Amino acid sequence: MLSTHRRGAWVAAGRYPLGVMAHEIPTHIILIGGGGHALVVAEAAQAAHLGVAGFVDDTADPLLARLGVARHLGPLGALRGFSHAVILCVGDIAARRRLAASGLRLSPAATVVHPAAWVSPSATLGGGVFVGPGAVVHTRARIGDHAIINSGAIVEHECVVGAHAHIAPGAALGGNVSVGPGVLVGLGARVLPGVAIGDGAVVGAGAVVVRDVAEGRRVRGVPAL
């Protein structure tokens, strides 16, 4: 169920910039996935006054059901029976890309921003983006569809983050950084201004990236190699 206007509770509460979304803000959403990341997204959605209709997950005993956080609507295939906006709640990059490639319905996509995050009015968030508590998305940054800007992550001015990329908790991107689709920037990693990280690359936890990273490469350490 989608609202008939583009301003929802986030905007009304002054917690969500008017310019960051060109698509409608849903009133209720379905989570894809029922594990740890889904738990975080569900809580953020509720904090932002966004209803969670339930979740789909193929797992026999998903975490969200065990904790009573949201109603288990069935396996992934059950999504075909609903018209709600959805958000992909699987933190693992490879799994996210597999699900996206499987033809699973990912639209209409819900973008969830925790009220304790800050998103610049000049930034752009794609559909299905999650921005966690304490995260900062700065001036003229562009975040691609279904990307994760996790708790306490910093995306500085004019950064570009590709679809399905995951900027992990506490990671920081300096100004004008380019992160390709499907990239993982690990816990507490730092990427210096102007660096480009190619599609599907992995930056290890705590790494400091001082030069461009080629597509599909894994780097770690200080400086990252």
Protein backbone atom coordinates (compact mmCIF):
# COMPACT_ATOMS: atom_id res chain seq x y z
CA MET A 1 0.00 0.00 0.00
CA LEU A 2 1.45 3.32 -1.10
CA SER A 3 0.51 6.75 0.08
CA THR A 4 -0.96 9.14 -2.47
CA HIS A 5 1.56 11.84 -1.71
CA ARG A 6 5.34 12.16 -1.55
CA ARG A 7 5.60 13.41 2.01
CA GLY A 8 5.35 10.88 4.81
CA ALA A 9 6.07 10.82 8.53
CA TRP A 10 9.82 11.29 7.99
CA VAL A 11 9.32 14.63 6.24
CA ALA A 12 6.61 15.78 8.61
CA ALA A 13 8.88 15.11 11.57
CA GLY A 14 11.69 17.12 9.97
CA ARG A 15 13.85 14.01 9.85
CA TYR A 16 13.87 13.38 6.14
CA PRO A 17 15.01 15.94 3.53
CA LEU A 18 12.42 16.97 0.99
CA GLY A 19 14.74 16.55 -1.98
CA VAL A 20 16.23 13.12 -1.48
CA MET A 21 13.47 10.96 -2.94
CA ALA A 22 11.68 11.29 -6.24
CA HIS A 23 9.44 8.29 -5.49
CA GLU A 24 6.49 8.00 -3.16
CA ILE A 25 7.01 7.19 0.50
CA PRO A 26 5.07 4.03 1.43
CA THR A 27 2.94 3.72 4.53
CA HIS A 28 3.63 0.00 5.11
CA ILE A 29 6.47 -2.16 3.85
CA ILE A 30 7.52 -5.80 3.61
CA LEU A 31 11.04 -6.81 4.60
CA ILE A 32 12.92 -9.30 2.44
CA GLY A 33 14.93 -11.36 4.91
CA GLY A 34 14.43 -12.23 8.54
CA GLY A 35 17.92 -12.19 10.04
CA GLY A 36 20.08 -9.71 11.91
CA HIS A 37 20.08 -6.94 9.32
CA ALA A 38 16.30 -7.25 8.96
CA LEU A 39 16.03 -6.78 12.71
CA VAL A 40 17.92 -3.48 12.42
CA VAL A 41 15.84 -2.29 9.45
CA ALA A 42 12.58 -3.20 11.18
CA GLU A 43 13.48 -1.16 14.24
CA ALA A 44 14.59 1.79 12.10
CA ALA A 45 11.34 1.66 10.12
CA GLN A 46 9.29 1.68 13.30
CA ALA A 47 11.34 4.58 14.70
CA ALA A 48 10.57 6.49 11.50
CA HIS A 49 6.83 5.81 11.95
CA LEU A 50 6.76 3.45 8.99
CA GLY A 51 4.60 0.35 9.33
CA VAL A 52 6.08 -3.10 8.83
CA ALA A 53 3.45 -5.41 7.34
CA GLY A 54 5.72 -8.44 7.76
CA PHE A 55 8.69 -10.19 6.17
CA VAL A 56 9.45 -13.01 3.74
CA ASP A 57 12.28 -15.48 4.34
CA ASP A 58 13.04 -19.05 3.25
CA THR A 59 14.69 -19.88 6.60
CA ALA A 60 12.90 -22.50 8.70
CA ASP A 61 13.10 -20.48 11.94
CA PRO A 62 13.91 -16.84 11.09
CA LEU A 63 15.13 -14.48 13.81
CA LEU A 64 12.35 -11.92 13.35
CA ALA A 65 9.71 -14.57 13.93
CA ARG A 66 11.48 -15.98 17.00
CA LEU A 67 11.67 -12.51 18.56
CA GLY A 68 8.14 -11.59 17.58
CA VAL A 69 9.33 -8.45 15.78
CA ALA A 70 7.29 -8.92 12.61
CA ARG A 71 4.90 -11.41 11.05
CA HIS A 72 6.44 -14.11 8.87
CA LEU A 73 4.47 -13.93 5.62
CA GLY A 74 6.09 -17.04 4.19
CA PRO A 75 9.01 -17.90 1.90
CA LEU A 76 10.40 -15.48 -0.67
CA GLY A 77 7.89 -16.71 -3.24
CA ALA A 78 5.04 -15.44 -1.06
CA LEU A 79 5.99 -11.91 -2.05
CA ARG A 80 4.03 -12.41 -5.27
CA GLY A 81 0.82 -12.26 -3.27
CA PHE A 82 1.45 -8.76 -1.95
CA SER A 83 1.65 -5.32 -3.54
CA HIS A 84 3.47 -3.56 -0.68
CA ALA A 85 6.71 -1.67 -1.16
CA VAL A 86 9.71 -3.81 -0.19
CA ILE A 87 13.21 -3.40 1.16
CA LEU A 88 16.00 -5.97 0.82
CA CYS A 89 17.20 -6.76 4.34
CA VAL A 90 20.11 -9.10 3.70
CA GLY A 91 23.46 -7.69 4.78
CA ASP A 92 25.69 -10.12 2.90
CA ILE A 93 26.72 -8.58 -0.43
CA ALA A 94 26.89 -11.83 -2.40
CA ALA A 95 23.46 -12.89 -1.17
CA ARG A 96 22.00 -9.50 -2.01
CA ARG A 97 23.29 -9.70 -5.57
CA ARG A 98 22.03 -13.27 -5.98
CA LEU A 99 18.57 -12.27 -4.85
CA ALA A 100 18.54 -9.26 -7.17
CA ALA A 101 19.61 -11.46 -10.10
CA SER A 102 16.98 -14.11 -9.28
CA GLY A 103 14.12 -11.96 -10.51
CA LEU A 104 12.71 -11.45 -7.02
CA ARG A 105 10.39 -8.45 -6.91
CA LEU A 106 12.32 -5.47 -5.54
CA SER A 107 9.89 -2.73 -6.54
CA PRO A 108 8.20 -0.60 -5.53
CA ALA A 109 11.17 -0.12 -3.25
CA ALA A 110 10.99 1.40 0.22
CA THR A 111 13.85 3.61 1.43
CA VAL A 112 14.31 3.51 5.22
CA VAL A 113 16.23 6.25 7.05
CA HIS A 114 16.64 5.99 10.81
CA PRO A 115 15.55 9.21 12.58
CA ALA A 116 19.01 9.46 14.18
CA ALA A 117 20.72 9.60 10.77
CA TRP A 118 21.40 12.83 8.89
CA VAL A 119 20.93 13.12 5.13
CA SER A 120 21.78 16.36 3.35
CA PRO A 121 18.89 18.01 1.50
CA SER A 122 21.10 18.01 -1.61
CA ALA A 123 21.89 14.28 -1.42
CA THR A 124 20.03 11.68 -3.50
CA LEU A 125 18.91 8.29 -2.22
CA GLY A 126 17.80 5.57 -4.61
CA GLY A 127 14.98 3.13 -4.02
CA GLY A 128 15.44 0.48 -1.35
CA VAL A 129 18.28 2.29 0.44
CA PHE A 130 18.81 1.81 4.16
CA VAL A 131 20.51 4.54 6.23
CA GLY A 132 21.23 3.46 9.80
CA PRO A 133 21.33 5.38 13.09
CA GLY A 134 24.16 7.87 13.38
CA ALA A 135 25.00 7.68 9.69
CA VAL A 136 25.73 10.84 7.69
CA VAL A 137 25.11 11.27 3.97
CA HIS A 138 26.59 14.62 3.06
CA THR A 139 26.22 17.33 0.44
CA ARG A 140 25.40 16.15 -3.09
CA ALA A 141 26.21 12.51 -2.33
CA ARG A 142 24.38 9.99 -4.50
CA ILE A 143 23.39 6.59 -3.11
CA GLY A 144 22.34 3.88 -5.57
CA ASP A 145 19.34 1.58 -5.35
CA HIS A 146 19.31 -0.98 -2.52
CA ALA A 147 22.57 0.24 -0.99
CA ILE A 148 23.22 0.10 2.75
CA ILE A 149 24.73 3.04 4.65
CA ASN A 150 25.02 1.30 7.99
CA SER A 151 25.13 2.59 11.57
CA GLY A 152 27.58 5.45 12.10
CA ALA A 153 28.91 5.35 8.52
CA ILE A 154 29.95 8.64 6.89
CA VAL A 155 29.51 9.38 3.21
CA GLU A 156 31.08 12.75 2.52
CA HIS A 157 30.31 15.39 -0.10
CA GLU A 158 29.82 14.37 -3.74
CA CYS A 159 30.44 10.68 -3.13
CA VAL A 160 28.77 8.16 -5.43
CA VAL A 161 27.78 4.79 -3.95
CA GLY A 162 26.60 2.14 -6.40
CA ALA A 163 23.61 -0.17 -6.24
CA HIS A 164 23.70 -2.92 -3.61
CA ALA A 165 26.92 -1.55 -2.09
CA HIS A 166 27.32 -1.84 1.68
CA ILE A 167 29.12 0.83 3.68
CA ALA A 168 29.52 -1.02 6.98
CA PRO A 169 29.13 0.43 10.50
CA GLY A 170 31.70 3.10 11.31
CA ALA A 171 33.19 3.21 7.81
CA ALA A 172 33.94 6.61 6.27
CA LEU A 173 34.21 7.78 2.67
CA GLY A 174 36.07 11.05 2.08
CA GLY A 175 34.81 13.62 -0.40
CA ASN A 176 34.35 12.63 -4.06
CA VAL A 177 34.85 8.91 -3.44
CA SER A 178 33.31 6.58 -6.01
CA VAL A 179 32.11 3.16 -4.83
CA GLY A 180 30.93 0.74 -7.51
CA PRO A 181 27.92 -1.57 -7.40
CA GLY A 182 28.15 -4.50 -5.01
CA VAL A 183 31.14 -3.14 -3.08
CA LEU A 184 31.64 -3.89 0.61
CA VAL A 185 33.50 -1.25 2.64
CA GLY A 186 34.12 -3.08 5.91
CA LEU A 187 33.69 -2.10 9.54
CA GLY A 188 35.60 1.05 10.43
CA ALA A 189 37.39 1.29 7.08
CA ARG A 190 38.50 4.67 5.72
CA VAL A 191 38.59 5.67 2.06
CA LEU A 192 40.58 8.82 1.26
CA PRO A 193 39.05 11.61 -0.84
CA GLY A 194 38.89 11.08 -4.58
CA VAL A 195 39.53 7.32 -4.50
CA ALA A 196 37.52 5.03 -6.80
CA ILE A 197 36.58 1.49 -5.76
CA GLY A 198 35.63 -0.82 -8.62
CA ASP A 199 32.53 -2.97 -8.91
CA GLY A 200 32.34 -5.90 -6.52
CA ALA A 201 35.50 -5.02 -4.58
CA VAL A 202 35.86 -5.73 -0.86
CA VAL A 203 37.62 -3.39 1.57
CA GLY A 204 38.55 -5.17 4.79
CA ALA A 205 37.57 -4.00 8.25
CA GLY A 206 39.76 -1.16 9.54
CA ALA A 207 41.55 -0.69 6.22
CA VAL A 208 42.72 2.72 5.00
CA VAL A 209 42.35 2.99 1.24
CA VAL A 210 44.74 5.54 -0.26
CA ARG A 211 44.56 4.60 -3.96
CA ASP A 212 42.02 3.26 -6.45
CA VAL A 213 40.88 -0.35 -6.05
CA ALA A 214 40.31 -2.47 -9.16
CA GLU A 215 37.03 -4.22 -9.90
CA GLY A 216 36.55 -7.41 -7.87
CA ARG A 217 39.69 -6.95 -5.81
CA ARG A 218 39.97 -7.55 -2.04
CA VAL A 219 42.15 -5.16 -0.06
CA ARG A 220 42.98 -4.80 3.62
CA GLY A 221 45.48 -3.17 5.96
CA VAL A 222 46.94 0.29 6.47
CA PRO A 223 47.50 1.34 3.77
CA ALA A 224 45.17 -1.11 2.05
CA LEU A 225 46.88 -3.51 -0.31
